[in-house]
Amino acid sequence: MAVKSLDKPNAKTVLLYLLEHGRVPLTKIQEVVTSFNTVKNVVMAFKDDGLVKVEEVIEGRRVLYVELTDRGLVVAQKILEAERIARGEFPGVLKMERDWREKRFGKFKLLNHVNAYDNVVRVEDSSYSPPRIAEIEIGIRGRKLMLHCSICDASDCEHINYLWSLKEVRETLLKKAEDEGVRV
């Protein structure tokens, strides 16, 4: 089903505002779109498309509260993801903050990159006694490069995040994805 409300002027701005701020009075959206009529038209179109729910509350006066529905939340997150990709950021790839290593040092000092093969990277985790080896399997599922940790039985865990923190490994994984024509 097409979502025609997204074609309206300022629709993306309103949707991302609701994603960031959650449930807000309709008039509060004027922080980013100054015309009340534009805000109201976009929100009512979103409501018709099932992207938002609008609730009328009497607080001395009539106030319309707007919040994303589950569908609206997914659409807003996908728009945000597309914007990040357009800016050269890549969702799914751990973006390192400058002080990230210091924040995570407590756990990561216990991890040690052991070795790498074509489809497996091994990481020693000394937080276990005796230390355990996490085998991070590298595979392609559909059109996406997937990593899977043998210890955590997960595709997003401390061991995988540690791998993304290693420049050499990160560059190799990104190159593999590029060579295979898949996304990370």
Protein backbone atom coordinates (compact mmCIF):
# COMPACT_ATOMS: atom_id res chain seq x y z
CA MET A 1 0.00 0.00 0.00
CA ALA A 2 1.45 3.36 -1.07
CA VAL A 3 2.05 6.03 1.55
CA LYS A 4 1.07 9.18 -0.36
CA SER A 5 1.39 11.40 2.69
CA LEU A 6 5.20 11.13 2.42
CA ASP A 7 5.03 13.15 -0.82
CA LYS A 8 3.70 16.21 1.03
CA PRO A 9 6.08 19.12 1.65
CA ASN A 10 7.74 18.86 5.10
CA ALA A 11 6.46 15.30 5.59
CA LYS A 12 9.93 13.88 6.24
CA THR A 13 10.73 16.70 8.68
CA VAL A 14 7.55 16.05 10.68
CA LEU A 15 8.07 12.28 10.69
CA LEU A 16 11.67 12.55 11.92
CA TYR A 17 10.63 15.10 14.55
CA LEU A 18 8.07 12.61 15.90
CA LEU A 19 10.68 9.84 15.83
CA GLU A 20 13.01 11.96 17.97
CA HIS A 21 10.44 13.47 20.35
CA GLY A 22 7.73 10.79 20.70
CA ARG A 23 4.22 11.87 21.71
CA VAL A 24 3.89 15.65 21.38
CA PRO A 25 1.16 18.28 21.12
CA LEU A 26 0.40 19.12 17.50
CA THR A 27 1.50 22.73 18.04
CA LYS A 28 4.95 21.60 19.28
CA ILE A 29 5.79 20.36 15.77
CA GLN A 30 5.88 24.04 14.76
CA GLU A 31 9.42 24.07 16.16
CA VAL A 32 10.49 22.57 12.82
CA VAL A 33 7.63 23.52 10.47
CA THR A 34 6.37 26.99 11.29
CA SER A 35 3.05 26.93 9.41
CA PHE A 36 0.34 25.41 11.60
CA ASN A 37 -1.80 24.59 8.54
CA THR A 38 1.09 22.68 6.96
CA VAL A 39 1.70 20.75 10.18
CA LYS A 40 -2.00 19.94 10.52
CA ASN A 41 -2.33 18.84 6.87
CA VAL A 42 0.75 16.60 7.07
CA VAL A 43 -0.34 15.05 10.38
CA MET A 44 -3.88 14.38 9.13
CA ALA A 45 -2.47 12.78 5.95
CA PHE A 46 -0.19 10.65 8.14
CA LYS A 47 -3.21 9.66 10.21
CA ASP A 48 -5.10 8.61 7.06
CA ASP A 49 -2.10 6.49 6.03
CA GLY A 50 -1.83 4.90 9.50
CA LEU A 51 1.54 6.46 10.34
CA VAL A 52 0.38 8.44 13.39
CA LYS A 53 -2.38 8.40 15.92
CA VAL A 54 -3.94 11.62 17.08
CA GLU A 55 -5.51 11.90 20.51
CA GLU A 56 -7.64 14.79 21.69
CA VAL A 57 -7.12 15.70 25.34
CA ILE A 58 -8.88 18.43 27.30
CA GLU A 59 -6.32 20.24 29.46
CA GLY A 60 -8.28 23.39 30.21
CA ARG A 61 -8.39 23.66 26.45
CA ARG A 62 -8.46 21.15 23.61
CA VAL A 63 -4.98 19.76 22.83
CA LEU A 64 -4.23 17.33 20.01
CA TYR A 65 -1.39 14.91 20.80
CA VAL A 66 0.38 13.15 17.95
CA GLU A 67 2.54 10.04 18.10
CA LEU A 68 3.88 7.49 15.64
CA THR A 69 2.10 4.19 15.22
CA ASP A 70 4.20 1.01 14.89
CA ARG A 71 4.00 1.42 11.12
CA GLY A 72 5.00 5.08 11.36
CA LEU A 73 7.93 4.17 13.58
CA VAL A 74 9.28 1.69 11.01
CA VAL A 75 8.83 4.19 8.15
CA ALA A 76 10.57 6.96 10.14
CA GLN A 77 13.46 4.67 11.07
CA LYS A 78 13.91 3.65 7.42
CA ILE A 79 13.94 7.31 6.31
CA LEU A 80 16.54 8.09 8.96
CA GLU A 81 18.60 5.08 7.83
CA ALA A 82 18.41 6.26 4.19
CA GLU A 83 19.55 9.75 5.21
CA ARG A 84 22.53 8.31 7.06
CA ILE A 85 23.53 6.22 4.05
CA ALA A 86 23.25 9.31 1.83
CA ARG A 87 25.64 11.12 4.23
CA GLY A 88 28.14 8.26 3.95
CA GLU A 89 27.28 6.62 7.26
CA PHE A 90 26.42 2.96 7.20
CA PRO A 91 23.77 1.58 9.58
CA GLY A 92 24.74 -1.85 10.80
CA VAL A 93 28.40 -0.84 10.96
CA LEU A 94 29.40 0.16 14.44
CA LYS A 95 30.14 3.88 14.39
CA MET A 96 32.91 4.52 16.84
CA GLU A 97 32.74 7.49 19.18
CA ARG A 98 36.07 9.14 19.98
CA ASP A 99 36.05 7.86 23.56
CA TRP A 100 34.47 4.54 22.63
CA ARG A 101 37.55 2.46 23.42
CA GLU A 102 37.84 4.07 26.86
CA LYS A 103 34.16 3.44 27.58
CA ARG A 104 34.45 -0.18 26.50
CA PHE A 105 37.99 -0.87 27.71
CA GLY A 106 36.80 -2.77 30.77
CA LYS A 107 35.30 -5.53 28.62
CA PHE A 108 37.54 -5.33 25.57
CA LYS A 109 40.80 -5.65 27.47
CA LEU A 110 39.66 -9.23 27.96
CA LEU A 111 39.29 -9.81 24.21
CA ASN A 112 42.13 -10.67 21.89
CA HIS A 113 41.97 -11.11 18.11
CA VAL A 114 43.46 -14.53 17.47
CA ASN A 115 43.29 -15.15 13.73
CA ALA A 116 41.17 -14.82 10.62
CA TYR A 117 40.34 -17.09 7.72
CA ASP A 118 38.11 -16.42 4.70
CA ASN A 119 34.84 -17.07 6.52
CA VAL A 120 35.77 -17.12 10.23
CA VAL A 121 37.46 -14.71 12.62
CA ARG A 122 38.46 -16.03 16.04
CA VAL A 123 38.44 -13.85 19.14
CA GLU A 124 39.77 -15.00 22.52
CA ASP A 125 37.49 -13.92 25.39
CA SER A 126 39.36 -13.95 28.70
CA SER A 127 36.30 -12.98 30.71
CA TYR A 128 35.62 -16.73 30.85
CA SER A 129 37.68 -19.04 32.98
CA PRO A 130 39.31 -20.73 31.18
CA PRO A 131 39.29 -18.30 28.21
CA ARG A 132 36.96 -19.19 25.34
CA ILE A 133 37.34 -18.67 21.63
CA ALA A 134 34.45 -16.92 19.90
CA GLU A 135 34.25 -17.94 16.28
CA ILE A 136 32.67 -15.15 14.27
CA GLU A 137 31.30 -16.68 11.09
CA ILE A 138 31.15 -14.43 8.03
CA GLY A 139 28.48 -15.25 5.51
CA ILE A 140 26.12 -13.80 2.98
CA ARG A 141 22.40 -14.13 3.50
CA GLY A 142 20.35 -12.74 0.63
CA ARG A 143 21.93 -9.40 -0.23
CA LYS A 144 23.53 -8.79 3.17
CA LEU A 145 26.86 -9.64 4.78
CA MET A 146 26.10 -11.37 8.07
CA LEU A 147 28.30 -12.02 11.11
CA HIS A 148 27.38 -14.65 13.70
CA CYS A 149 29.08 -15.28 17.05
CA SER A 150 29.42 -18.89 18.22
CA ILE A 151 29.54 -17.99 21.93
CA CYS A 152 26.59 -15.60 22.01
CA ASP A 153 24.65 -17.27 19.17
CA ALA A 154 23.92 -13.75 17.96
CA SER A 155 24.64 -11.37 15.10
CA ASP A 156 25.18 -8.36 17.39
CA CYS A 157 27.28 -8.88 20.50
CA GLU A 158 30.44 -7.68 22.26
CA HIS A 159 32.62 -10.00 20.18
CA ILE A 160 31.27 -8.70 16.87
CA ASN A 161 31.47 -5.10 18.10
CA TYR A 162 35.09 -5.76 19.02
CA LEU A 163 35.78 -6.92 15.47
CA TRP A 164 34.31 -3.70 14.06
CA SER A 165 36.68 -1.77 16.35
CA LEU A 166 39.70 -3.34 14.64
CA LYS A 167 40.53 -1.21 11.60
CA GLU A 168 42.15 -4.05 9.67
CA VAL A 169 39.21 -6.42 10.17
CA ARG A 170 36.62 -3.69 9.53
CA GLU A 171 38.28 -2.71 6.22
CA THR A 172 38.49 -6.36 5.17
CA LEU A 173 34.80 -6.95 5.93
CA LEU A 174 33.72 -3.79 4.09
CA LYS A 175 35.86 -4.78 1.09
CA LYS A 176 34.35 -8.28 1.12
CA ALA A 177 30.85 -6.78 1.12
CA GLU A 178 31.79 -4.48 -1.75
CA ASP A 179 33.36 -7.30 -3.76
CA GLU A 180 30.29 -9.49 -3.24
CA GLY A 181 27.92 -6.62 -4.08
CA VAL A 182 26.09 -6.90 -0.77
CA ARG A 183 25.38 -4.53 2.08
CA VAL A 184 26.65 -4.78 5.62
